[in-house]
Amino acid sequence: MLEAILLIGMPGLPEWILILLVVVLLFGGRKIPELMRGLGKGIREFNDAKGKVKENIEEGMKEKDAKAN
């Protein structure tokens, strides 16, 4: 199955147009801004969580170095 996914590749311009058309038809013009807002909020929360994890890892490494000295 992974091979099939790799063979498909990224969608080109005609595929993106078709995808956008289907989204507009399914959700309507009024729901799209709401969907995009939710998507942006999710990405923002993901980036915040990623930053916190990075800070925790760096803090743990500093504590480990301080204990070693």
PDB file of N, CA and C in Angstrom:
ATOM      1  N   MET A   1       0.831  -1.192   0.000  1.00  0.00           N
ATOM      2  CA  MET A   1       0.000   0.000   0.000  1.00  0.00           C
ATOM      3  C   MET A   1       0.874   1.255   0.000  1.00  0.00           C
ATOM      4  N   LEU A   2       1.976   1.213   0.746  1.00  0.00           N
ATOM      5  CA  LEU A   2       2.871   2.366   0.782  1.00  0.00           C
ATOM      6  C   LEU A   2       3.431   2.653  -0.600  1.00  0.00           C
ATOM      7  N   GLU A   3       3.691   1.616  -1.353  1.00  0.00           N
ATOM      8  CA  GLU A   3       4.205   1.813  -2.704  1.00  0.00           C
ATOM      9  C   GLU A   3       3.199   2.558  -3.570  1.00  0.00           C
ATOM     10  N   ALA A   4       1.924   2.241  -3.402  1.00  0.00           N
ATOM     11  CA  ALA A   4       0.882   2.917  -4.179  1.00  0.00           C
ATOM     12  C   ALA A   4       0.823   4.403  -3.827  1.00  0.00           C
ATOM     13  N   ILE A   5       0.987   4.710  -2.554  1.00  0.00           N
ATOM     14  CA  ILE A   5       0.967   6.105  -2.122  1.00  0.00           C
ATOM     15  C   ILE A   5       2.169   6.849  -2.708  1.00  0.00           C
ATOM     16  N   LEU A   6       3.324   6.202  -2.702  1.00  0.00           N
ATOM     17  CA  LEU A   6       4.518   6.847  -3.240  1.00  0.00           C
ATOM     18  C   LEU A   6       4.421   7.069  -4.740  1.00  0.00           C
ATOM     19  N   LEU A   7       3.739   6.192  -5.447  1.00  0.00           N
ATOM     20  CA  LEU A   7       3.615   6.329  -6.892  1.00  0.00           C
ATOM     21  C   LEU A   7       2.652   7.444  -7.287  1.00  0.00           C
ATOM     22  N   ILE A   8       1.697   7.726  -6.429  1.00  0.00           N
ATOM     23  CA  ILE A   8       0.699   8.757  -6.741  1.00  0.00           C
ATOM     24  C   ILE A   8       1.344  10.135  -6.765  1.00  0.00           C
ATOM     25  N   GLY A   9       2.139  10.463  -5.759  1.00  0.00           N
ATOM     26  CA  GLY A   9       2.817  11.756  -5.721  1.00  0.00           C
ATOM     27  C   GLY A   9       1.892  12.874  -5.284  1.00  0.00           C
ATOM     28  N   MET A  10       2.386  14.082  -5.419  1.00  0.00           N
ATOM     29  CA  MET A  10       1.618  15.260  -5.035  1.00  0.00           C
ATOM     30  C   MET A  10       0.637  15.626  -6.142  1.00  0.00           C
ATOM     31  N   PRO A  11      -0.541  16.120  -5.735  1.00  0.00           N
ATOM     32  CA  PRO A  11      -1.508  16.527  -6.748  1.00  0.00           C
ATOM     33  C   PRO A  11      -1.030  17.761  -7.509  1.00  0.00           C
ATOM     34  N   GLY A  12      -1.352  17.802  -8.784  1.00  0.00           N
ATOM     35  CA  GLY A  12      -1.014  18.946  -9.619  1.00  0.00           C
ATOM     36  C   GLY A  12      -2.105  19.996  -9.564  1.00  0.00           C
ATOM     37  N   LEU A  13      -1.992  21.009 -10.392  1.00  0.00           N
ATOM     38  CA  LEU A  13      -2.960  22.103 -10.407  1.00  0.00           C
ATOM     39  C   LEU A  13      -4.386  21.630 -10.704  1.00  0.00           C
ATOM     40  N   PRO A  14      -4.615  20.781 -11.704  1.00  0.00           N
ATOM     41  CA  PRO A  14      -5.997  20.343 -11.963  1.00  0.00           C
ATOM     42  C   PRO A  14      -6.609  19.590 -10.778  1.00  0.00           C
ATOM     43  N   GLU A  15      -5.786  18.789 -10.081  1.00  0.00           N
ATOM     44  CA  GLU A  15      -6.299  18.064  -8.923  1.00  0.00           C
ATOM     45  C   GLU A  15      -6.656  19.011  -7.786  1.00  0.00           C
ATOM     46  N   TRP A  16      -5.822  20.032  -7.562  1.00  0.00           N
ATOM     47  CA  TRP A  16      -6.117  21.006  -6.507  1.00  0.00           C
ATOM     48  C   TRP A  16      -7.401  21.776  -6.812  1.00  0.00           C
ATOM     49  N   ILE A  17      -7.595  22.122  -8.076  1.00  0.00           N
ATOM     50  CA  ILE A  17      -8.820  22.826  -8.473  1.00  0.00           C
ATOM     51  C   ILE A  17     -10.033  21.940  -8.212  1.00  0.00           C
ATOM     52  N   LEU A  18      -9.928  20.671  -8.560  1.00  0.00           N
ATOM     53  CA  LEU A  18     -11.024  19.730  -8.315  1.00  0.00           C
ATOM     54  C   LEU A  18     -11.294  19.579  -6.821  1.00  0.00           C
ATOM     55  N   ILE A  19     -10.247  19.476  -6.023  1.00  0.00           N
ATOM     56  CA  ILE A  19     -10.415  19.359  -4.570  1.00  0.00           C
ATOM     57  C   ILE A  19     -11.109  20.594  -4.015  1.00  0.00           C
ATOM     58  N   LEU A  20     -10.666  21.784  -4.424  1.00  0.00           N
ATOM     59  CA  LEU A  20     -11.297  23.026  -3.951  1.00  0.00           C
ATOM     60  C   LEU A  20     -12.757  23.116  -4.375  1.00  0.00           C
ATOM     61  N   LEU A  21     -13.046  22.689  -5.587  1.00  0.00           N
ATOM     62  CA  LEU A  21     -14.427  22.696  -6.071  1.00  0.00           C
ATOM     63  C   LEU A  21     -15.308  21.774  -5.234  1.00  0.00           C
ATOM     64  N   VAL A  22     -14.808  20.603  -4.921  1.00  0.00           N
ATOM     65  CA  VAL A  22     -15.567  19.652  -4.097  1.00  0.00           C
ATOM     66  C   VAL A  22     -15.787  20.223  -2.703  1.00  0.00           C
ATOM     67  N   VAL A  23     -14.771  20.861  -2.125  1.00  0.00           N
ATOM     68  CA  VAL A  23     -14.916  21.459  -0.801  1.00  0.00           C
ATOM     69  C   VAL A  23     -15.979  22.548  -0.820  1.00  0.00           C
ATOM     70  N   VAL A  24     -15.950  23.391  -1.834  1.00  0.00           N
ATOM     71  CA  VAL A  24     -16.955  24.462  -1.930  1.00  0.00           C
ATOM     72  C   VAL A  24     -18.349  23.873  -2.080  1.00  0.00           C
ATOM     73  N   LEU A  25     -18.483  22.838  -2.884  1.00  0.00           N
ATOM     74  CA  LEU A  25     -19.794  22.220  -3.080  1.00  0.00           C
ATOM     75  C   LEU A  25     -20.295  21.535  -1.812  1.00  0.00           C
ATOM     76  N   LEU A  26     -19.401  20.890  -1.090  1.00  0.00           N
ATOM     77  CA  LEU A  26     -19.816  20.176   0.118  1.00  0.00           C
ATOM     78  C   LEU A  26     -20.143  21.111   1.272  1.00  0.00           C
ATOM     79  N   PHE A  27     -19.312  22.121   1.487  1.00  0.00           N
ATOM     80  CA  PHE A  27     -19.466  22.955   2.672  1.00  0.00           C
ATOM     81  C   PHE A  27     -20.110  24.300   2.392  1.00  0.00           C
ATOM     82  N   GLY A  28     -20.126  24.743   1.172  1.00  0.00           N
ATOM     83  CA  GLY A  28     -20.701  26.037   0.851  1.00  0.00           C
ATOM     84  C   GLY A  28     -19.728  27.161   1.166  1.00  0.00           C
ATOM     85  N   GLY A  29     -19.962  28.286   0.584  1.00  0.00           N
ATOM     86  CA  GLY A  29     -19.074  29.437   0.734  1.00  0.00           C
ATOM     87  C   GLY A  29     -19.040  30.004   2.133  1.00  0.00           C
ATOM     88  N   ARG A  30     -20.106  29.844   2.880  1.00  0.00           N
ATOM     89  CA  ARG A  30     -20.161  30.432   4.221  1.00  0.00           C
ATOM     90  C   ARG A  30     -19.377  29.623   5.239  1.00  0.00           C
ATOM     91  N   LYS A  31     -19.245  28.344   5.031  1.00  0.00           N
ATOM     92  CA  LYS A  31     -18.555  27.484   6.000  1.00  0.00           C
ATOM     93  C   LYS A  31     -17.039  27.473   5.810  1.00  0.00           C
ATOM     94  N   ILE A  32     -16.553  27.832   4.642  1.00  0.00           N
ATOM     95  CA  ILE A  32     -15.118  27.748   4.362  1.00  0.00           C
ATOM     96  C   ILE A  32     -14.304  28.654   5.285  1.00  0.00           C
ATOM     97  N   PRO A  33     -14.678  29.926   5.519  1.00  0.00           N
ATOM     98  CA  PRO A  33     -13.893  30.740   6.460  1.00  0.00           C
ATOM     99  C   PRO A  33     -13.854  30.126   7.866  1.00  0.00           C
ATOM    100  N   GLU A  34     -14.957  29.541   8.273  1.00  0.00           N
ATOM    101  CA  GLU A  34     -15.009  28.892   9.584  1.00  0.00           C
ATOM    102  C   GLU A  34     -14.066  27.686   9.623  1.00  0.00           C
ATOM    103  N   LEU A  35     -14.033  26.912   8.553  1.00  0.00           N
ATOM    104  CA  LEU A  35     -13.116  25.772   8.478  1.00  0.00           C
ATOM    105  C   LEU A  35     -11.665  26.226   8.505  1.00  0.00           C
ATOM    106  N   MET A  36     -11.350  27.267   7.768  1.00  0.00           N
ATOM    107  CA  MET A  36      -9.979  27.767   7.722  1.00  0.00           C
ATOM    108  C   MET A  36      -9.559  28.338   9.073  1.00  0.00           C
ATOM    109  N   ARG A  37     -10.488  29.006   9.755  1.00  0.00           N
ATOM    110  CA  ARG A  37     -10.200  29.545  11.082  1.00  0.00           C
ATOM    111  C   ARG A  37      -9.862  28.407  12.043  1.00  0.00           C
ATOM    112  N   GLY A  38     -10.647  27.339  11.974  1.00  0.00           N
ATOM    113  CA  GLY A  38     -10.386  26.174  12.815  1.00  0.00           C
ATOM    114  C   GLY A  38      -9.051  25.531  12.486  1.00  0.00           C
ATOM    115  N   LEU A  39      -8.727  25.461  11.205  1.00  0.00           N
ATOM    116  CA  LEU A  39      -7.446  24.895  10.781  1.00  0.00           C
ATOM    117  C   LEU A  39      -6.291  25.752  11.305  1.00  0.00           C
ATOM    118  N   GLY A  40      -6.408  27.065  11.188  1.00  0.00           N
ATOM    119  CA  GLY A  40      -5.373  27.962  11.692  1.00  0.00           C
ATOM    120  C   GLY A  40      -5.194  27.837  13.194  1.00  0.00           C
ATOM    121  N   LYS A  41      -6.305  27.713  13.904  1.00  0.00           N
ATOM    122  CA  LYS A  41      -6.250  27.559  15.355  1.00  0.00           C
ATOM    123  C   LYS A  41      -5.543  26.258  15.726  1.00  0.00           C
ATOM    124  N   GLY A  42      -5.838  25.200  14.997  1.00  0.00           N
ATOM    125  CA  GLY A  42      -5.191  23.916  15.251  1.00  0.00           C
ATOM    126  C   GLY A  42      -3.700  23.964  14.990  1.00  0.00           C
ATOM    127  N   ILE A  43      -3.301  24.614  13.910  1.00  0.00           N
ATOM    128  CA  ILE A  43      -1.875  24.744  13.594  1.00  0.00           C
ATOM    129  C   ILE A  43      -1.171  25.566  14.665  1.00  0.00           C
ATOM    130  N   ARG A  44      -1.814  26.635  15.109  1.00  0.00           N
ATOM    131  CA  ARG A  44      -1.226  27.486  16.148  1.00  0.00           C
ATOM    132  C   ARG A  44      -1.034  26.701  17.438  1.00  0.00           C
ATOM    133  N   GLU A  45      -2.041  25.902  17.841  1.00  0.00           N
ATOM    134  CA  GLU A  45      -1.934  25.098  19.052  1.00  0.00           C
ATOM    135  C   GLU A  45      -0.830  24.051  18.917  1.00  0.00           C
ATOM    136  N   PHE A  46      -0.706  23.452  17.738  1.00  0.00           N
ATOM    137  CA  PHE A  46       0.347  22.474  17.501  1.00  0.00           C
ATOM    138  C   PHE A  46       1.721  23.111  17.654  1.00  0.00           C
ATOM    139  N   ASN A  47       1.908  24.280  17.059  1.00  0.00           N
ATOM    140  CA  ASN A  47       3.198  24.971  17.151  1.00  0.00           C
ATOM    141  C   ASN A  47       3.517  25.375  18.586  1.00  0.00           C
ATOM    142  N   ASP A  48       2.505  25.809  19.337  1.00  0.00           N
ATOM    143  CA  ASP A  48       2.717  26.150  20.744  1.00  0.00           C
ATOM    144  C   ASP A  48       3.165  24.927  21.530  1.00  0.00           C
ATOM    145  N   ALA A  49       2.502  23.805  21.322  1.00  0.00           N
ATOM    146  CA  ALA A  49       2.860  22.564  22.021  1.00  0.00           C
ATOM    147  C   ALA A  49       4.256  22.105  21.625  1.00  0.00           C
ATOM    148  N   LYS A  50       4.586  22.237  20.349  1.00  0.00           N
ATOM    149  CA  LYS A  50       5.918  21.853  19.872  1.00  0.00           C
ATOM    150  C   LYS A  50       6.985  22.712  20.546  1.00  0.00           C
ATOM    151  N   GLY A  51       6.729  23.991  20.686  1.00  0.00           N
ATOM    152  CA  GLY A  51       7.671  24.889  21.348  1.00  0.00           C
ATOM    153  C   GLY A  51       7.861  24.538  22.816  1.00  0.00           C
ATOM    154  N   LYS A  52       6.764  24.180  23.495  1.00  0.00           N
ATOM    155  CA  LYS A  52       6.854  23.804  24.906  1.00  0.00           C
ATOM    156  C   LYS A  52       7.665  22.525  25.079  1.00  0.00           C
ATOM    157  N   VAL A  53       7.467  21.565  24.200  1.00  0.00           N
ATOM    158  CA  VAL A  53       8.233  20.324  24.275  1.00  0.00           C
ATOM    159  C   VAL A  53       9.714  20.613  24.060  1.00  0.00           C
ATOM    160  N   LYS A  54      10.018  21.455  23.098  1.00  0.00           N
ATOM    161  CA  LYS A  54      11.415  21.807  22.822  1.00  0.00           C
ATOM    162  C   LYS A  54      12.037  22.485  24.039  1.00  0.00           C
ATOM    163  N   GLU A  55      11.295  23.411  24.667  1.00  0.00           N
ATOM    164  CA  GLU A  55      11.797  24.089  25.858  1.00  0.00           C
ATOM    165  C   GLU A  55      12.055  23.096  26.978  1.00  0.00           C
ATOM    166  N   ASN A  56      11.139  22.139  27.176  1.00  0.00           N
ATOM    167  CA  ASN A  56      11.304  21.142  28.232  1.00  0.00           C
ATOM    168  C   ASN A  56      12.534  20.278  27.977  1.00  0.00           C
ATOM    169  N   ILE A  57      12.763  19.894  26.750  1.00  0.00           N
ATOM    170  CA  ILE A  57      13.932  19.079  26.419  1.00  0.00           C
ATOM    171  C   ILE A  57      15.207  19.858  26.678  1.00  0.00           C
ATOM    172  N   GLU A  58      15.250  21.117  26.230  1.00  0.00           N
ATOM    173  CA  GLU A  58      16.443  21.941  26.447  1.00  0.00           C
ATOM    174  C   GLU A  58      16.690  22.174  27.930  1.00  0.00           C
ATOM    175  N   GLU A  59      15.627  22.394  28.691  1.00  0.00           N
ATOM    176  CA  GLU A  59      15.749  22.599  30.131  1.00  0.00           C
ATOM    177  C   GLU A  59      16.287  21.332  30.802  1.00  0.00           C
ATOM    178  N   GLY A  60      15.796  20.189  30.383  1.00  0.00           N
ATOM    179  CA  GLY A  60      16.281  18.925  30.929  1.00  0.00           C
ATOM    180  C   GLY A  60      17.741  18.688  30.616  1.00  0.00           C
ATOM    181  N   MET A  61      18.159  19.065  29.418  1.00  0.00           N
ATOM    182  CA  MET A  61      19.572  18.908  29.049  1.00  0.00           C
ATOM    183  C   MET A  61      20.465  19.827  29.883  1.00  0.00           C
ATOM    184  N   LYS A  62      19.982  21.050  30.153  1.00  0.00           N
ATOM    185  CA  LYS A  62      20.755  21.981  30.976  1.00  0.00           C
ATOM    186  C   LYS A  62      20.887  21.456  32.406  1.00  0.00           C
ATOM    187  N   GLU A  63      19.788  20.895  32.944  1.00  0.00           N
ATOM    188  CA  GLU A  63      19.819  20.337  34.294  1.00  0.00           C
ATOM    189  C   GLU A  63      20.789  19.160  34.356  1.00  0.00           C
ATOM    190  N   LYS A  64      20.797  18.340  33.328  1.00  0.00           N
ATOM    191  CA  LYS A  64      21.693  17.185  33.289  1.00  0.00           C
ATOM    192  C   LYS A  64      23.157  17.645  33.263  1.00  0.00           C
ATOM    193  N   ASP A  65      23.431  18.681  32.457  1.00  0.00           N
ATOM    194  CA  ASP A  65      24.788  19.222  32.387  1.00  0.00           C
ATOM    195  C   ASP A  65      25.199  19.839  33.735  1.00  0.00           C
ATOM    196  N   ALA A  66      24.269  20.504  34.406  1.00  0.00           N
ATOM    197  CA  ALA A  66      24.569  21.134  35.703  1.00  0.00           C
ATOM    198  C   ALA A  66      24.866  20.061  36.751  1.00  0.00           C
ATOM    199  N   LYS A  67      24.176  18.947  36.717  1.00  0.00           N
ATOM    200  CA  LYS A  67      24.412  17.860  37.663  1.00  0.00           C
ATOM    201  C   LYS A  67      25.742  17.170  37.386  1.00  0.00           C
ATOM    202  N   ALA A  68      26.124  17.123  36.137  1.00  0.00           N
ATOM    203  CA  ALA A  68      27.375  16.454  35.755  1.00  0.00           C
ATOM    204  C   ALA A  68      28.590  17.248  36.229  1.00  0.00           C
ATOM    205  N   ASN A  69      28.445  18.566  36.357  1.00  0.00           N
ATOM    206  CA  ASN A  69      29.574  19.417  36.789  1.00  0.00           C
ATOM    207  C   ASN A  69      29.631  19.418  38.253  1.00  0.00           C
TER     208      ASN A  69
END
